[in-house]
PDB file of N, CA and C in Angstrom:
ATOM      1  N   MET A   1      82.903 167.515 112.506  1.00  0.00           N
ATOM      2  CA  MET A   1      83.514 167.214 113.774  1.00  0.00           C
ATOM      3  C   MET A   1      84.324 168.442 114.229  1.00  0.00           C
ATOM      4  N   THR A   2      84.198 168.790 115.485  1.00  0.00           N
ATOM      5  CA  THR A   2      84.934 169.937 116.020  1.00  0.00           C
ATOM      6  C   THR A   2      86.397 169.562 116.266  1.00  0.00           C
ATOM      7  N   GLN A   3      87.233 170.580 116.435  1.00  0.00           N
ATOM      8  CA  GLN A   3      88.636 170.325 116.754  1.00  0.00           C
ATOM      9  C   GLN A   3      88.755 169.529 118.045  1.00  0.00           C
ATOM     10  N   THR A   4      87.975 169.895 119.030  1.00  0.00           N
ATOM     11  CA  THR A   4      88.048 169.226 120.321  1.00  0.00           C
ATOM     12  C   THR A   4      87.681 167.756 120.195  1.00  0.00           C
ATOM     13  N   ALA A   5      86.631 167.455 119.446  1.00  0.00           N
ATOM     14  CA  ALA A   5      86.218 166.069 119.242  1.00  0.00           C
ATOM     15  C   ALA A   5      87.265 165.292 118.458  1.00  0.00           C
ATOM     16  N   ALA A   6      87.851 165.913 117.454  1.00  0.00           N
ATOM     17  CA  ALA A   6      88.873 165.249 116.655  1.00  0.00           C
ATOM     18  C   ALA A   6      90.117 164.962 117.500  1.00  0.00           C
ATOM     19  N   ILE A   7      90.498 165.898 118.349  1.00  0.00           N
ATOM     20  CA  ILE A   7      91.655 165.708 119.223  1.00  0.00           C
ATOM     21  C   ILE A   7      91.374 164.609 120.233  1.00  0.00           C
ATOM     22  N   LEU A   8      90.177 164.583 120.793  1.00  0.00           N
ATOM     23  CA  LEU A   8      89.808 163.535 121.738  1.00  0.00           C
ATOM     24  C   LEU A   8      89.877 162.166 121.068  1.00  0.00           C
ATOM     25  N   SER A   9      89.356 162.056 119.875  1.00  0.00           N
ATOM     26  CA  SER A   9      89.409 160.786 119.139  1.00  0.00           C
ATOM     27  C   SER A   9      90.852 160.357 118.904  1.00  0.00           C
ATOM     28  N   PHE A  10      91.698 161.301 118.528  1.00  0.00           N
ATOM     29  CA  PHE A  10      93.111 161.026 118.293  1.00  0.00           C
ATOM     30  C   PHE A  10      93.782 160.530 119.570  1.00  0.00           C
ATOM     31  N   LEU A  11      93.520 161.203 120.688  1.00  0.00           N
ATOM     32  CA  LEU A  11      94.129 160.824 121.961  1.00  0.00           C
ATOM     33  C   LEU A  11      93.577 159.496 122.478  1.00  0.00           C
ATOM     34  N   ARG A  12      92.315 159.232 122.238  1.00  0.00           N
ATOM     35  CA  ARG A  12      91.715 157.957 122.661  1.00  0.00           C
ATOM     36  C   ARG A  12      92.344 156.765 121.945  1.00  0.00           C
ATOM     37  N   ALA A  13      92.920 157.011 120.790  1.00  0.00           N
ATOM     38  CA  ALA A  13      93.596 155.941 120.042  1.00  0.00           C
ATOM     39  C   ALA A  13      94.959 155.617 120.651  1.00  0.00           C
ATOM     40  N   GLY A  14      95.312 156.271 121.758  1.00  0.00           N
ATOM     41  CA  GLY A  14      96.561 156.000 122.441  1.00  0.00           C
ATOM     42  C   GLY A  14      97.742 156.774 121.899  1.00  0.00           C
ATOM     43  N   ARG A  15      97.474 157.801 121.125  1.00  0.00           N
ATOM     44  CA  ARG A  15      98.538 158.601 120.537  1.00  0.00           C
ATOM     45  C   ARG A  15      98.856 159.806 121.407  1.00  0.00           C
ATOM     46  N   VAL A  16     100.017 160.405 121.159  1.00  0.00           N
ATOM     47  CA  VAL A  16     100.414 161.639 121.826  1.00  0.00           C
ATOM     48  C   VAL A  16     100.395 162.764 120.796  1.00  0.00           C
ATOM     49  N   LEU A  17     100.296 163.984 121.290  1.00  0.00           N
ATOM     50  CA  LEU A  17     100.115 165.125 120.399  1.00  0.00           C
ATOM     51  C   LEU A  17     100.932 166.312 120.895  1.00  0.00           C
ATOM     52  N   THR A  18     101.623 166.974 119.976  1.00  0.00           N
ATOM     53  CA  THR A  18     102.321 168.222 120.281  1.00  0.00           C
ATOM     54  C   THR A  18     101.544 169.358 119.612  1.00  0.00           C
ATOM     55  N   PRO A  19     101.798 170.590 120.005  1.00  0.00           N
ATOM     56  CA  PRO A  19     101.101 171.702 119.354  1.00  0.00           C
ATOM     57  C   PRO A  19     101.331 171.761 117.837  1.00  0.00           C
ATOM     58  N   LEU A  20     102.536 171.444 117.388  1.00  0.00           N
ATOM     59  CA  LEU A  20     102.797 171.464 115.949  1.00  0.00           C
ATOM     60  C   LEU A  20     102.024 170.358 115.241  1.00  0.00           C
ATOM     61  N   ASP A  21     101.936 169.172 115.855  1.00  0.00           N
ATOM     62  CA  ASP A  21     101.128 168.089 115.289  1.00  0.00           C
ATOM     63  C   ASP A  21      99.658 168.493 115.213  1.00  0.00           C
ATOM     64  N   ALA A  22      99.170 169.156 116.265  1.00  0.00           N
ATOM     65  CA  ALA A  22      97.775 169.582 116.292  1.00  0.00           C
ATOM     66  C   ALA A  22      97.484 170.602 115.191  1.00  0.00           C
ATOM     67  N   LEU A  23      98.428 171.484 114.948  1.00  0.00           N
ATOM     68  CA  LEU A  23      98.265 172.456 113.874  1.00  0.00           C
ATOM     69  C   LEU A  23      98.212 171.762 112.522  1.00  0.00           C
ATOM     70  N   ARG A  24      99.114 170.841 112.292  1.00  0.00           N
ATOM     71  CA  ARG A  24      99.167 170.131 111.004  1.00  0.00           C
ATOM     72  C   ARG A  24      97.960 169.221 110.780  1.00  0.00           C
ATOM     73  N   ARG A  25      97.556 168.493 111.805  1.00  0.00           N
ATOM     74  CA  ARG A  25      96.475 167.517 111.647  1.00  0.00           C
ATOM     75  C   ARG A  25      95.075 168.132 111.715  1.00  0.00           C
ATOM     76  N   PHE A  26      94.892 169.093 112.628  1.00  0.00           N
ATOM     77  CA  PHE A  26      93.548 169.584 112.918  1.00  0.00           C
ATOM     78  C   PHE A  26      93.369 171.079 112.691  1.00  0.00           C
ATOM     79  N   GLY A  27      94.416 171.786 112.316  1.00  0.00           N
ATOM     80  CA  GLY A  27      94.331 173.234 112.153  1.00  0.00           C
ATOM     81  C   GLY A  27      94.141 173.949 113.470  1.00  0.00           C
ATOM     82  N   CYS A  28      94.601 173.343 114.548  1.00  0.00           N
ATOM     83  CA  CYS A  28      94.410 173.869 115.901  1.00  0.00           C
ATOM     84  C   CYS A  28      95.622 174.685 116.315  1.00  0.00           C
ATOM     85  N   LEU A  29      95.420 175.971 116.544  1.00  0.00           N
ATOM     86  CA  LEU A  29      96.511 176.855 116.960  1.00  0.00           C
ATOM     87  C   LEU A  29      96.712 176.864 118.471  1.00  0.00           C
ATOM     88  N   ARG A  30      95.712 176.410 119.233  1.00  0.00           N
ATOM     89  CA  ARG A  30      95.785 176.489 120.692  1.00  0.00           C
ATOM     90  C   ARG A  30      95.449 175.136 121.320  1.00  0.00           C
ATOM     91  N   LEU A  31      96.391 174.214 121.222  1.00  0.00           N
ATOM     92  CA  LEU A  31      96.178 172.873 121.772  1.00  0.00           C
ATOM     93  C   LEU A  31      95.935 172.915 123.276  1.00  0.00           C
ATOM     94  N   ALA A  32      96.624 173.776 123.987  1.00  0.00           N
ATOM     95  CA  ALA A  32      96.435 173.861 125.439  1.00  0.00           C
ATOM     96  C   ALA A  32      94.991 174.231 125.781  1.00  0.00           C
ATOM     97  N   ALA A  33      94.391 175.101 125.002  1.00  0.00           N
ATOM     98  CA  ALA A  33      92.995 175.487 125.245  1.00  0.00           C
ATOM     99  C   ALA A  33      92.043 174.320 124.980  1.00  0.00           C
ATOM    100  N   ARG A  34      92.332 173.563 123.912  1.00  0.00           N
ATOM    101  CA  ARG A  34      91.488 172.405 123.620  1.00  0.00           C
ATOM    102  C   ARG A  34      91.652 171.333 124.705  1.00  0.00           C
ATOM    103  N   ALA A  35      92.874 171.175 125.226  1.00  0.00           N
ATOM    104  CA  ALA A  35      93.111 170.227 126.314  1.00  0.00           C
ATOM    105  C   ALA A  35      92.338 170.653 127.564  1.00  0.00           C
ATOM    106  N   LEU A  36      92.293 171.957 127.828  1.00  0.00           N
ATOM    107  CA  LEU A  36      91.526 172.460 128.967  1.00  0.00           C
ATOM    108  C   LEU A  36      90.030 172.189 128.768  1.00  0.00           C
ATOM    109  N   ASP A  37      89.532 172.372 127.556  1.00  0.00           N
ATOM    110  CA  ASP A  37      88.130 172.042 127.262  1.00  0.00           C
ATOM    111  C   ASP A  37      87.849 170.574 127.571  1.00  0.00           C
ATOM    112  N   LEU A  38      88.768 169.698 127.174  1.00  0.00           N
ATOM    113  CA  LEU A  38      88.599 168.266 127.429  1.00  0.00           C
ATOM    114  C   LEU A  38      88.653 167.958 128.921  1.00  0.00           C
ATOM    115  N   ARG A  39      89.543 168.641 129.638  1.00  0.00           N
ATOM    116  CA  ARG A  39      89.609 168.437 131.093  1.00  0.00           C
ATOM    117  C   ARG A  39      88.310 168.872 131.763  1.00  0.00           C
ATOM    118  N   HIS A  40      87.758 169.999 131.330  1.00  0.00           N
ATOM    119  CA  HIS A  40      86.490 170.468 131.894  1.00  0.00           C
ATOM    120  C   HIS A  40      85.347 169.509 131.582  1.00  0.00           C
ATOM    121  N   ALA A  41      85.481 168.761 130.490  1.00  0.00           N
ATOM    122  CA  ALA A  41      84.469 167.768 130.122  1.00  0.00           C
ATOM    123  C   ALA A  41      84.686 166.438 130.849  1.00  0.00           C
ATOM    124  N   GLY A  42      85.721 166.363 131.700  1.00  0.00           N
ATOM    125  CA  GLY A  42      85.933 165.177 132.512  1.00  0.00           C
ATOM    126  C   GLY A  42      86.989 164.212 132.013  1.00  0.00           C
ATOM    127  N   HIS A  43      87.719 164.560 130.978  1.00  0.00           N
ATOM    128  CA  HIS A  43      88.765 163.685 130.443  1.00  0.00           C
ATOM    129  C   HIS A  43      90.094 163.998 131.133  1.00  0.00           C
ATOM    130  N   ASP A  44      90.870 162.953 131.358  1.00  0.00           N
ATOM    131  CA  ASP A  44      92.150 163.103 132.055  1.00  0.00           C
ATOM    132  C   ASP A  44      93.269 163.304 131.034  1.00  0.00           C
ATOM    133  N   VAL A  45      93.389 164.531 130.532  1.00  0.00           N
ATOM    134  CA  VAL A  45      94.428 164.878 129.562  1.00  0.00           C
ATOM    135  C   VAL A  45      95.667 165.300 130.342  1.00  0.00           C
ATOM    136  N   ARG A  46      96.775 164.665 130.034  1.00  0.00           N
ATOM    137  CA  ARG A  46      98.037 164.967 130.705  1.00  0.00           C
ATOM    138  C   ARG A  46      98.965 165.710 129.757  1.00  0.00           C
ATOM    139  N   CYS A  47      99.912 166.444 130.331  1.00  0.00           N
ATOM    140  CA  CYS A  47     100.882 167.194 129.535  1.00  0.00           C
ATOM    141  C   CYS A  47     102.235 167.155 130.236  1.00  0.00           C
ATOM    142  N   ARG A  48     103.270 167.002 129.435  1.00  0.00           N
ATOM    143  CA  ARG A  48     104.635 167.060 129.935  1.00  0.00           C
ATOM    144  C   ARG A  48     105.452 167.896 128.962  1.00  0.00           C
ATOM    145  N   LEU A  49     106.301 168.763 129.493  1.00  0.00           N
ATOM    146  CA  LEU A  49     107.191 169.533 128.632  1.00  0.00           C
ATOM    147  C   LEU A  49     108.366 168.655 128.217  1.00  0.00           C
ATOM    148  N   VAL A  50     108.658 168.661 126.912  1.00  0.00           N
ATOM    149  CA  VAL A  50     109.796 167.911 126.378  1.00  0.00           C
ATOM    150  C   VAL A  50     110.662 168.854 125.557  1.00  0.00           C
ATOM    151  N   VAL A  51     111.922 168.520 125.443  1.00  0.00           N
ATOM    152  CA  VAL A  51     112.873 169.314 124.665  1.00  0.00           C
ATOM    153  C   VAL A  51     113.038 168.641 123.307  1.00  0.00           C
ATOM    154  N   VAL A  52     112.883 169.418 122.221  1.00  0.00           N
ATOM    155  CA  VAL A  52     112.977 168.861 120.876  1.00  0.00           C
ATOM    156  C   VAL A  52     113.881 169.716 119.999  1.00  0.00           C
ATOM    157  N   GLY A  53     114.411 169.086 118.993  1.00  0.00           N
ATOM    158  CA  GLY A  53     115.141 169.794 117.951  1.00  0.00           C
ATOM    159  C   GLY A  53     116.525 170.257 118.348  1.00  0.00           C
ATOM    160  N   PRO A  54     117.282 170.662 117.334  1.00  0.00           N
ATOM    161  CA  PRO A  54     118.654 171.109 117.573  1.00  0.00           C
ATOM    162  C   PRO A  54     118.731 172.416 118.364  1.00  0.00           C
ATOM    163  N   GLN A  55     117.657 173.190 118.354  1.00  0.00           N
ATOM    164  CA  GLN A  55     117.647 174.449 119.107  1.00  0.00           C
ATOM    165  C   GLN A  55     117.101 174.272 120.515  1.00  0.00           C
ATOM    166  N   ARG A  56     116.804 172.997 120.879  1.00  0.00           N
ATOM    167  CA  ARG A  56     116.388 172.646 122.240  1.00  0.00           C
ATOM    168  C   ARG A  56     115.149 173.403 122.700  1.00  0.00           C
ATOM    169  N   LYS A  57     114.133 173.457 121.837  1.00  0.00           N
ATOM    170  CA  LYS A  57     112.869 174.112 122.181  1.00  0.00           C
ATOM    171  C   LYS A  57     112.057 173.204 123.112  1.00  0.00           C
ATOM    172  N   ARG A  58     111.356 173.808 124.051  1.00  0.00           N
ATOM    173  CA  ARG A  58     110.467 173.057 124.931  1.00  0.00           C
ATOM    174  C   ARG A  58     109.042 173.153 124.396  1.00  0.00           C
ATOM    175  N   VAL A  59     108.390 172.011 124.249  1.00  0.00           N
ATOM    176  CA  VAL A  59     107.010 171.971 123.794  1.00  0.00           C
ATOM    177  C   VAL A  59     106.226 171.015 124.681  1.00  0.00           C
ATOM    178  N   GLY A  60     104.919 171.200 124.712  1.00  0.00           N
ATOM    179  CA  GLY A  60     104.057 170.312 125.481  1.00  0.00           C
ATOM    180  C   GLY A  60     103.747 169.052 124.704  1.00  0.00           C
ATOM    181  N   LEU A  61     103.773 167.928 125.380  1.00  0.00           N
ATOM    182  CA  LEU A  61     103.406 166.643 124.811  1.00  0.00           C
ATOM    183  C   LEU A  61     102.147 166.193 125.540  1.00  0.00           C
ATOM    184  N   TYR A  62     101.041 166.053 124.827  1.00  0.00           N
ATOM    185  CA  TYR A  62      99.738 165.776 125.422  1.00  0.00           C
ATOM    186  C   TYR A  62      99.319 164.337 125.135  1.00  0.00           C
ATOM    187  N   TRP A  63      98.695 163.716 126.134  1.00  0.00           N
ATOM    188  CA  TRP A  63      98.147 162.378 125.971  1.00  0.00           C
ATOM    189  C   TRP A  63      96.969 162.208 126.909  1.00  0.00           C
ATOM    190  N   LEU A  64      96.210 161.159 126.680  1.00  0.00           N
ATOM    191  CA  LEU A  64      95.046 160.856 127.498  1.00  0.00           C
ATOM    192  C   LEU A  64      95.416 159.737 128.450  1.00  0.00           C
ATOM    193  N   ALA A  65      95.329 159.987 129.739  1.00  0.00           N
ATOM    194  CA  ALA A  65      95.669 158.981 130.741  1.00  0.00           C
ATOM    195  C   ALA A  65      94.594 157.900 130.725  1.00  0.00           C
ATOM    196  N   THR A  66      95.018 156.679 130.866  1.00  0.00           N
ATOM    197  CA  THR A  66      94.066 155.563 130.897  1.00  0.00           C
ATOM    198  C   THR A  66      93.659 155.287 132.336  1.00  0.00           C
ATOM    199  N   PRO A  67      92.395 154.944 132.553  1.00  0.00           N
ATOM    200  CA  PRO A  67      91.928 154.700 133.923  1.00  0.00           C
ATOM    201  C   PRO A  67      92.502 153.439 134.516  1.00  0.00           C
TER     202      PRO A  67
END
């Protein structure tokens, strides 16, 4: 299974994904690129920047919008 397919399956289960989660779960260093691949394939992948951690880092939170 490709990274893109694995990420799509994960998102279809109603879960959300951050870049660090994608690295840990799928070995994916470029979640934004995989999300773009999914968008080009017709999937409605959404992203919102969230602030996390004590150092207040901003990261993307990705999910699959339901129709």
